[in-house]
Amino acid sequence: MAEVFTALLESLLHNPVVIAIGAGIVMAVGAWIRGRLSGAKAERNRQAVERLAARDEADKIDQAVAGMSDAEVLKEQAKWSRPKS
């Protein structure tokens, strides 16, 4: 039984049509996976840009309400942050 299976497998692996079909399937699966990953990365980047814009807007509003300039804000924040070593 093992000899029959081995002979069948060997004949399939030496057939150029079977090899071409197998390579096509592998390439199609690879392209699909790459597309899924790049789409997910693009979505994460888009969301990060939106979060950054929202944070910038919130900072502007907070500073306007507090009546502080950028230099004053940095000076105030320095009190609460760790010194860089």
PDB file of N, CA and C in Angstrom:
ATOM      1  N   MET A   1       0.829  -1.195   0.000  1.00  0.00           N
ATOM      2  CA  MET A   1       0.000   0.000   0.000  1.00  0.00           C
ATOM      3  C   MET A   1       0.867   1.250   0.000  1.00  0.00           C
ATOM      4  N   ALA A   2       1.925   1.238   0.793  1.00  0.00           N
ATOM      5  CA  ALA A   2       2.818   2.391   0.867  1.00  0.00           C
ATOM      6  C   ALA A   2       3.514   2.619  -0.468  1.00  0.00           C
ATOM      7  N   GLU A   3       3.826   1.524  -1.180  1.00  0.00           N
ATOM      8  CA  GLU A   3       4.490   1.664  -2.473  1.00  0.00           C
ATOM      9  C   GLU A   3       3.572   2.341  -3.481  1.00  0.00           C
ATOM     10  N   VAL A   4       2.289   2.008  -3.433  1.00  0.00           N
ATOM     11  CA  VAL A   4       1.322   2.609  -4.352  1.00  0.00           C
ATOM     12  C   VAL A   4       1.202   4.106  -4.068  1.00  0.00           C
ATOM     13  N   PHE A   5       1.104   4.440  -2.804  1.00  0.00           N
ATOM     14  CA  PHE A   5       0.992   5.851  -2.425  1.00  0.00           C
ATOM     15  C   PHE A   5       2.251   6.616  -2.827  1.00  0.00           C
ATOM     16  N   THR A   6       3.403   6.023  -2.593  1.00  0.00           N
ATOM     17  CA  THR A   6       4.667   6.663  -2.951  1.00  0.00           C
ATOM     18  C   THR A   6       4.761   6.855  -4.460  1.00  0.00           C
ATOM     19  N   ALA A   7       4.362   5.863  -5.220  1.00  0.00           N
ATOM     20  CA  ALA A   7       4.409   5.966  -6.680  1.00  0.00           C
ATOM     21  C   ALA A   7       3.448   7.042  -7.175  1.00  0.00           C
ATOM     22  N   LEU A   8       2.263   7.106  -6.604  1.00  0.00           N
ATOM     23  CA  LEU A   8       1.284   8.122  -6.995  1.00  0.00           C
ATOM     24  C   LEU A   8       1.800   9.519  -6.665  1.00  0.00           C
ATOM     25  N   LEU A   9       2.341   9.680  -5.477  1.00  0.00           N
ATOM     26  CA  LEU A   9       2.880  10.972  -5.061  1.00  0.00           C
ATOM     27  C   LEU A   9       4.045  11.385  -5.954  1.00  0.00           C
ATOM     28  N   GLU A  10       4.906  10.446  -6.276  1.00  0.00           N
ATOM     29  CA  GLU A  10       6.049  10.744  -7.133  1.00  0.00           C
ATOM     30  C   GLU A  10       5.595  11.150  -8.531  1.00  0.00           C
ATOM     31  N   SER A  11       4.592  10.482  -9.062  1.00  0.00           N
ATOM     32  CA  SER A  11       4.116  10.831 -10.406  1.00  0.00           C
ATOM     33  C   SER A  11       3.449  12.206 -10.412  1.00  0.00           C
ATOM     34  N   LEU A  12       2.763  12.562  -9.329  1.00  0.00           N
ATOM     35  CA  LEU A  12       2.148  13.885  -9.252  1.00  0.00           C
ATOM     36  C   LEU A  12       3.198  14.980  -9.128  1.00  0.00           C
ATOM     37  N   LEU A  13       4.243  14.724  -8.348  1.00  0.00           N
ATOM     38  CA  LEU A  13       5.271  15.737  -8.131  1.00  0.00           C
ATOM     39  C   LEU A  13       6.162  15.952  -9.355  1.00  0.00           C
ATOM     40  N   HIS A  14       6.167  15.018 -10.278  1.00  0.00           N
ATOM     41  CA  HIS A  14       6.961  15.180 -11.493  1.00  0.00           C
ATOM     42  C   HIS A  14       6.121  15.698 -12.657  1.00  0.00           C
ATOM     43  N   ASN A  15       4.845  15.905 -12.437  1.00  0.00           N
ATOM     44  CA  ASN A  15       3.954  16.409 -13.484  1.00  0.00           C
ATOM     45  C   ASN A  15       3.976  17.942 -13.451  1.00  0.00           C
ATOM     46  N   PRO A  16       4.408  18.602 -14.530  1.00  0.00           N
ATOM     47  CA  PRO A  16       4.512  20.065 -14.526  1.00  0.00           C
ATOM     48  C   PRO A  16       3.161  20.770 -14.368  1.00  0.00           C
ATOM     49  N   VAL A  17       2.087  20.168 -14.840  1.00  0.00           N
ATOM     50  CA  VAL A  17       0.769  20.787 -14.706  1.00  0.00           C
ATOM     51  C   VAL A  17       0.363  20.831 -13.234  1.00  0.00           C
ATOM     52  N   VAL A  18       0.579  19.757 -12.526  1.00  0.00           N
ATOM     53  CA  VAL A  18       0.238  19.701 -11.104  1.00  0.00           C
ATOM     54  C   VAL A  18       1.099  20.694 -10.326  1.00  0.00           C
ATOM     55  N   ILE A  19       2.364  20.794 -10.674  1.00  0.00           N
ATOM     56  CA  ILE A  19       3.257  21.746 -10.009  1.00  0.00           C
ATOM     57  C   ILE A  19       2.790  23.176 -10.267  1.00  0.00           C
ATOM     58  N   ALA A  20       2.392  23.479 -11.500  1.00  0.00           N
ATOM     59  CA  ALA A  20       1.923  24.830 -11.832  1.00  0.00           C
ATOM     60  C   ALA A  20       0.632  25.167 -11.084  1.00  0.00           C
ATOM     61  N   ILE A  21      -0.277  24.221 -11.009  1.00  0.00           N
ATOM     62  CA  ILE A  21      -1.529  24.452 -10.281  1.00  0.00           C
ATOM     63  C   ILE A  21      -1.237  24.670  -8.797  1.00  0.00           C
ATOM     64  N   GLY A  22      -0.366  23.861  -8.233  1.00  0.00           N
ATOM     65  CA  GLY A  22       0.001  24.027  -6.823  1.00  0.00           C
ATOM     66  C   GLY A  22       0.652  25.375  -6.563  1.00  0.00           C
ATOM     67  N   ALA A  23       1.540  25.795  -7.458  1.00  0.00           N
ATOM     68  CA  ALA A  23       2.189  27.102  -7.301  1.00  0.00           C
ATOM     69  C   ALA A  23       1.165  28.225  -7.405  1.00  0.00           C
ATOM     70  N   GLY A  24       0.200  28.080  -8.304  1.00  0.00           N
ATOM     71  CA  GLY A  24      -0.849  29.091  -8.438  1.00  0.00           C
ATOM     72  C   GLY A  24      -1.692  29.210  -7.180  1.00  0.00           C
ATOM     73  N   ILE A  25      -2.012  28.084  -6.591  1.00  0.00           N
ATOM     74  CA  ILE A  25      -2.798  28.095  -5.351  1.00  0.00           C
ATOM     75  C   ILE A  25      -2.011  28.760  -4.230  1.00  0.00           C
ATOM     76  N   VAL A  26      -0.734  28.419  -4.109  1.00  0.00           N
ATOM     77  CA  VAL A  26       0.105  29.017  -3.066  1.00  0.00           C
ATOM     78  C   VAL A  26       0.215  30.525  -3.276  1.00  0.00           C
ATOM     79  N   MET A  27       0.386  30.970  -4.514  1.00  0.00           N
ATOM     80  CA  MET A  27       0.487  32.404  -4.798  1.00  0.00           C
ATOM     81  C   MET A  27      -0.825  33.125  -4.492  1.00  0.00           C
ATOM     82  N   ALA A  28      -1.944  32.511  -4.823  1.00  0.00           N
ATOM     83  CA  ALA A  28      -3.240  33.140  -4.556  1.00  0.00           C
ATOM     84  C   ALA A  28      -3.479  33.283  -3.055  1.00  0.00           C
ATOM     85  N   VAL A  29      -3.154  32.254  -2.301  1.00  0.00           N
ATOM     86  CA  VAL A  29      -3.313  32.324  -0.843  1.00  0.00           C
ATOM     87  C   VAL A  29      -2.375  33.377  -0.264  1.00  0.00           C
ATOM     88  N   GLY A  30      -1.150  33.437  -0.753  1.00  0.00           N
ATOM     89  CA  GLY A  30      -0.197  34.445  -0.286  1.00  0.00           C
ATOM     90  C   GLY A  30      -0.668  35.857  -0.584  1.00  0.00           C
ATOM     91  N   ALA A  31      -1.205  36.079  -1.780  1.00  0.00           N
ATOM     92  CA  ALA A  31      -1.709  37.409  -2.138  1.00  0.00           C
ATOM     93  C   ALA A  31      -2.905  37.789  -1.267  1.00  0.00           C
ATOM     94  N   TRP A  32      -3.770  36.834  -0.987  1.00  0.00           N
ATOM     95  CA  TRP A  32      -4.937  37.105  -0.139  1.00  0.00           C
ATOM     96  C   TRP A  32      -4.500  37.489   1.273  1.00  0.00           C
ATOM     97  N   ILE A  33      -3.550  36.744   1.830  1.00  0.00           N
ATOM     98  CA  ILE A  33      -3.063  37.041   3.184  1.00  0.00           C
ATOM     99  C   ILE A  33      -2.394  38.406   3.214  1.00  0.00           C
ATOM    100  N   ARG A  34      -1.583  38.705   2.202  1.00  0.00           N
ATOM    101  CA  ARG A  34      -0.907  40.007   2.154  1.00  0.00           C
ATOM    102  C   ARG A  34      -1.924  41.147   2.063  1.00  0.00           C
ATOM    103  N   GLY A  35      -2.965  40.963   1.293  1.00  0.00           N
ATOM    104  CA  GLY A  35      -4.009  41.979   1.182  1.00  0.00           C
ATOM    105  C   GLY A  35      -4.740  42.201   2.495  1.00  0.00           C
ATOM    106  N   ARG A  36      -5.019  41.128   3.198  1.00  0.00           N
ATOM    107  CA  ARG A  36      -5.689  41.254   4.500  1.00  0.00           C
ATOM    108  C   ARG A  36      -4.811  42.009   5.490  1.00  0.00           C
ATOM    109  N   LEU A  37      -3.530  41.686   5.515  1.00  0.00           N
ATOM    110  CA  LEU A  37      -2.622  42.339   6.459  1.00  0.00           C
ATOM    111  C   LEU A  37      -2.433  43.813   6.127  1.00  0.00           C
ATOM    112  N   SER A  38      -2.298  44.135   4.840  1.00  0.00           N
ATOM    113  CA  SER A  38      -2.097  45.543   4.481  1.00  0.00           C
ATOM    114  C   SER A  38      -3.369  46.347   4.728  1.00  0.00           C
ATOM    115  N   GLY A  39      -4.525  45.746   4.543  1.00  0.00           N
ATOM    116  CA  GLY A  39      -5.780  46.436   4.841  1.00  0.00           C
ATOM    117  C   GLY A  39      -5.930  46.713   6.327  1.00  0.00           C
ATOM    118  N   ALA A  40      -5.558  45.752   7.145  1.00  0.00           N
ATOM    119  CA  ALA A  40      -5.630  45.944   8.599  1.00  0.00           C
ATOM    120  C   ALA A  40      -4.650  47.019   9.048  1.00  0.00           C
ATOM    121  N   LYS A  41      -3.462  47.026   8.456  1.00  0.00           N
ATOM    122  CA  LYS A  41      -2.466  48.038   8.817  1.00  0.00           C
ATOM    123  C   LYS A  41      -2.948  49.426   8.413  1.00  0.00           C
ATOM    124  N   ALA A  42      -3.548  49.542   7.243  1.00  0.00           N
ATOM    125  CA  ALA A  42      -4.067  50.835   6.795  1.00  0.00           C
ATOM    126  C   ALA A  42      -5.166  51.335   7.731  1.00  0.00           C
ATOM    127  N   GLU A  43      -6.012  50.442   8.189  1.00  0.00           N
ATOM    128  CA  GLU A  43      -7.085  50.833   9.112  1.00  0.00           C
ATOM    129  C   GLU A  43      -6.515  51.289  10.452  1.00  0.00           C
ATOM    130  N   ARG A  44      -5.518  50.575  10.963  1.00  0.00           N
ATOM    131  CA  ARG A  44      -4.881  50.996  12.221  1.00  0.00           C
ATOM    132  C   ARG A  44      -4.235  52.370  12.075  1.00  0.00           C
ATOM    133  N   ASN A  45      -3.573  52.608  10.946  1.00  0.00           N
ATOM    134  CA  ASN A  45      -2.951  53.915  10.714  1.00  0.00           C
ATOM    135  C   ASN A  45      -4.000  55.020  10.636  1.00  0.00           C
ATOM    136  N   ARG A  46      -5.111  54.748   9.965  1.00  0.00           N
ATOM    137  CA  ARG A  46      -6.171  55.742   9.842  1.00  0.00           C
ATOM    138  C   ARG A  46      -6.739  56.087  11.219  1.00  0.00           C
ATOM    139  N   GLN A  47      -6.962  55.073  12.041  1.00  0.00           N
ATOM    140  CA  GLN A  47      -7.489  55.310  13.383  1.00  0.00           C
ATOM    141  C   GLN A  47      -6.488  56.064  14.253  1.00  0.00           C
ATOM    142  N   ALA A  48      -5.201  55.778  14.090  1.00  0.00           N
ATOM    143  CA  ALA A  48      -4.180  56.488  14.870  1.00  0.00           C
ATOM    144  C   ALA A  48      -4.156  57.969  14.502  1.00  0.00           C
ATOM    145  N   VAL A  49      -4.300  58.270  13.222  1.00  0.00           N
ATOM    146  CA  VAL A  49      -4.334  59.670  12.780  1.00  0.00           C
ATOM    147  C   VAL A  49      -5.558  60.372  13.361  1.00  0.00           C
ATOM    148  N   GLU A  50      -6.693  59.708  13.359  1.00  0.00           N
ATOM    149  CA  GLU A  50      -7.910  60.299  13.923  1.00  0.00           C
ATOM    150  C   GLU A  50      -7.765  60.545  15.426  1.00  0.00           C
ATOM    151  N   ARG A  51      -7.181  59.581  16.146  1.00  0.00           N
ATOM    152  CA  ARG A  51      -6.977  59.759  17.590  1.00  0.00           C
ATOM    153  C   ARG A  51      -6.028  60.913  17.877  1.00  0.00           C
ATOM    154  N   LEU A  52      -4.971  61.038  17.079  1.00  0.00           N
ATOM    155  CA  LEU A  52      -4.014  62.124  17.274  1.00  0.00           C
ATOM    156  C   LEU A  52      -4.668  63.477  17.019  1.00  0.00           C
ATOM    157  N   ALA A  53      -5.472  63.557  15.967  1.00  0.00           N
ATOM    158  CA  ALA A  53      -6.168  64.815  15.674  1.00  0.00           C
ATOM    159  C   ALA A  53      -7.137  65.171  16.803  1.00  0.00           C
ATOM    160  N   ALA A  54      -7.843  64.191  17.321  1.00  0.00           N
ATOM    161  CA  ALA A  54      -8.775  64.446  18.423  1.00  0.00           C
ATOM    162  C   ALA A  54      -8.022  64.885  19.678  1.00  0.00           C
ATOM    163  N   ARG A  55      -6.874  64.271  19.937  1.00  0.00           N
ATOM    164  CA  ARG A  55      -6.077  64.650  21.112  1.00  0.00           C
ATOM    165  C   ARG A  55      -5.534  66.075  20.966  1.00  0.00           C
ATOM    166  N   ASP A  56      -5.078  66.429  19.766  1.00  0.00           N
ATOM    167  CA  ASP A  56      -4.584  67.792  19.525  1.00  0.00           C
ATOM    168  C   ASP A  56      -5.689  68.819  19.749  1.00  0.00           C
ATOM    169  N   GLU A  57      -6.866  68.512  19.250  1.00  0.00           N
ATOM    170  CA  GLU A  57      -7.999  69.431  19.419  1.00  0.00           C
ATOM    171  C   GLU A  57      -8.356  69.569  20.901  1.00  0.00           C
ATOM    172  N   ALA A  58      -8.357  68.460  21.616  1.00  0.00           N
ATOM    173  CA  ALA A  58      -8.660  68.504  23.050  1.00  0.00           C
ATOM    174  C   ALA A  58      -7.602  69.306  23.806  1.00  0.00           C
ATOM    175  N   ASP A  59      -6.342  69.157  23.424  1.00  0.00           N
ATOM    176  CA  ASP A  59      -5.273  69.930  24.070  1.00  0.00           C
ATOM    177  C   ASP A  59      -5.447  71.425  23.822  1.00  0.00           C
ATOM    178  N   LYS A  60      -5.807  71.780  22.594  1.00  0.00           N
ATOM    179  CA  LYS A  60      -6.025  73.198  22.277  1.00  0.00           C
ATOM    180  C   LYS A  60      -7.159  73.776  23.127  1.00  0.00           C
ATOM    181  N   ILE A  61      -8.211  73.011  23.265  1.00  0.00           N
ATOM    182  CA  ILE A  61      -9.355  73.472  24.059  1.00  0.00           C
ATOM    183  C   ILE A  61      -8.958  73.607  25.526  1.00  0.00           C
ATOM    184  N   ASP A  62      -8.240  72.612  26.051  1.00  0.00           N
ATOM    185  CA  ASP A  62      -7.804  72.671  27.452  1.00  0.00           C
ATOM    186  C   ASP A  62      -6.910  73.882  27.705  1.00  0.00           C
ATOM    187  N   GLN A  63      -5.994  74.153  26.788  1.00  0.00           N
ATOM    188  CA  GLN A  63      -5.097  75.297  26.952  1.00  0.00           C
ATOM    189  C   GLN A  63      -5.856  76.612  26.862  1.00  0.00           C
ATOM    190  N   ALA A  64      -6.813  76.674  25.959  1.00  0.00           N
ATOM    191  CA  ALA A  64      -7.595  77.902  25.819  1.00  0.00           C
ATOM    192  C   ALA A  64      -8.412  78.164  27.082  1.00  0.00           C
ATOM    193  N   VAL A  65      -8.968  77.109  27.640  1.00  0.00           N
ATOM    194  CA  VAL A  65      -9.763  77.259  28.857  1.00  0.00           C
ATOM    195  C   VAL A  65      -8.867  77.677  30.021  1.00  0.00           C
ATOM    196  N   ALA A  66      -7.695  77.102  30.093  1.00  0.00           N
ATOM    197  CA  ALA A  66      -6.780  77.411  31.189  1.00  0.00           C
ATOM    198  C   ALA A  66      -6.074  78.749  30.976  1.00  0.00           C
ATOM    199  N   GLY A  67      -6.084  79.280  29.754  1.00  0.00           N
ATOM    200  CA  GLY A  67      -5.434  80.547  29.453  1.00  0.00           C
ATOM    201  C   GLY A  67      -3.921  80.474  29.514  1.00  0.00           C
ATOM    202  N   MET A  68      -3.362  79.320  29.171  1.00  0.00           N
ATOM    203  CA  MET A  68      -1.918  79.146  29.246  1.00  0.00           C
ATOM    204  C   MET A  68      -1.316  79.087  27.844  1.00  0.00           C
ATOM    205  N   SER A  69      -0.100  79.589  27.718  1.00  0.00           N
ATOM    206  CA  SER A  69       0.619  79.468  26.452  1.00  0.00           C
ATOM    207  C   SER A  69       1.287  78.095  26.401  1.00  0.00           C
ATOM    208  N   ASP A  70       1.836  77.749  25.246  1.00  0.00           N
ATOM    209  CA  ASP A  70       2.509  76.457  25.116  1.00  0.00           C
ATOM    210  C   ASP A  70       3.684  76.342  26.085  1.00  0.00           C
ATOM    211  N   ALA A  71       4.450  77.404  26.240  1.00  0.00           N
ATOM    212  CA  ALA A  71       5.598  77.379  27.154  1.00  0.00           C
ATOM    213  C   ALA A  71       5.140  77.169  28.594  1.00  0.00           C
ATOM    214  N   GLU A  72       4.040  77.813  28.959  1.00  0.00           N
ATOM    215  CA  GLU A  72       3.516  77.647  30.319  1.00  0.00           C
ATOM    216  C   GLU A  72       3.023  76.222  30.548  1.00  0.00           C
ATOM    217  N   VAL A  73       2.410  75.656  29.532  1.00  0.00           N
ATOM    218  CA  VAL A  73       1.932  74.277  29.645  1.00  0.00           C
ATOM    219  C   VAL A  73       3.113  73.330  29.835  1.00  0.00           C
ATOM    220  N   LEU A  74       4.178  73.502  29.041  1.00  0.00           N
ATOM    221  CA  LEU A  74       5.347  72.634  29.172  1.00  0.00           C
ATOM    222  C   LEU A  74       5.996  72.782  30.545  1.00  0.00           C
ATOM    223  N   LYS A  75       6.054  74.001  31.046  1.00  0.00           N
ATOM    224  CA  LYS A  75       6.633  74.232  32.366  1.00  0.00           C
ATOM    225  C   LYS A  75       5.797  73.527  33.438  1.00  0.00           C
ATOM    226  N   GLU A  76       4.488  73.610  33.314  1.00  0.00           N
ATOM    227  CA  GLU A  76       3.590  72.962  34.276  1.00  0.00           C
ATOM    228  C   GLU A  76       3.715  71.439  34.196  1.00  0.00           C
ATOM    229  N   GLN A  77       3.824  70.917  32.986  1.00  0.00           N
ATOM    230  CA  GLN A  77       3.940  69.469  32.823  1.00  0.00           C
ATOM    231  C   GLN A  77       5.266  68.948  33.360  1.00  0.00           C
ATOM    232  N   ALA A  78       6.307  69.766  33.320  1.00  0.00           N
ATOM    233  CA  ALA A  78       7.621  69.335  33.802  1.00  0.00           C
ATOM    234  C   ALA A  78       7.581  68.995  35.285  1.00  0.00           C
ATOM    235  N   LYS A  79       6.688  69.616  36.023  1.00  0.00           N
ATOM    236  CA  LYS A  79       6.571  69.329  37.450  1.00  0.00           C
ATOM    237  C   LYS A  79       6.100  67.893  37.693  1.00  0.00           C
ATOM    238  N   TRP A  80       5.301  67.383  36.778  1.00  0.00           N
ATOM    239  CA  TRP A  80       4.653  66.100  36.997  1.00  0.00           C
ATOM    240  C   TRP A  80       5.316  64.945  36.255  1.00  0.00           C
ATOM    241  N   SER A  81       6.298  65.213  35.426  1.00  0.00           N
ATOM    242  CA  SER A  81       6.934  64.136  34.675  1.00  0.00           C
ATOM    243  C   SER A  81       8.286  63.792  35.279  1.00  0.00           C
ATOM    244  N   ARG A  82       8.731  62.583  35.016  1.00  0.00           N
ATOM    245  CA  ARG A  82      10.024  62.137  35.526  1.00  0.00           C
ATOM    246  C   ARG A  82      11.138  62.831  34.764  1.00  0.00           C
ATOM    247  N   PRO A  83      12.240  63.112  35.445  1.00  0.00           N
ATOM    248  CA  PRO A  83      13.378  63.695  34.725  1.00  0.00           C
ATOM    249  C   PRO A  83      13.977  62.659  33.783  1.00  0.00           C
ATOM    250  N   LYS A  84      14.431  63.111  32.631  1.00  0.00           N
ATOM    251  CA  LYS A  84      15.047  62.197  31.667  1.00  0.00           C
ATOM    252  C   LYS A  84      16.464  61.896  32.122  1.00  0.00           C
ATOM    253  N   SER A  85      16.807  60.621  32.088  1.00  0.00           N
ATOM    254  CA  SER A  85      18.155  60.253  32.537  1.00  0.00           C
ATOM    255  C   SER A  85      19.009  59.813  31.386  1.00  0.00           C
TER     256      SER A  85
END
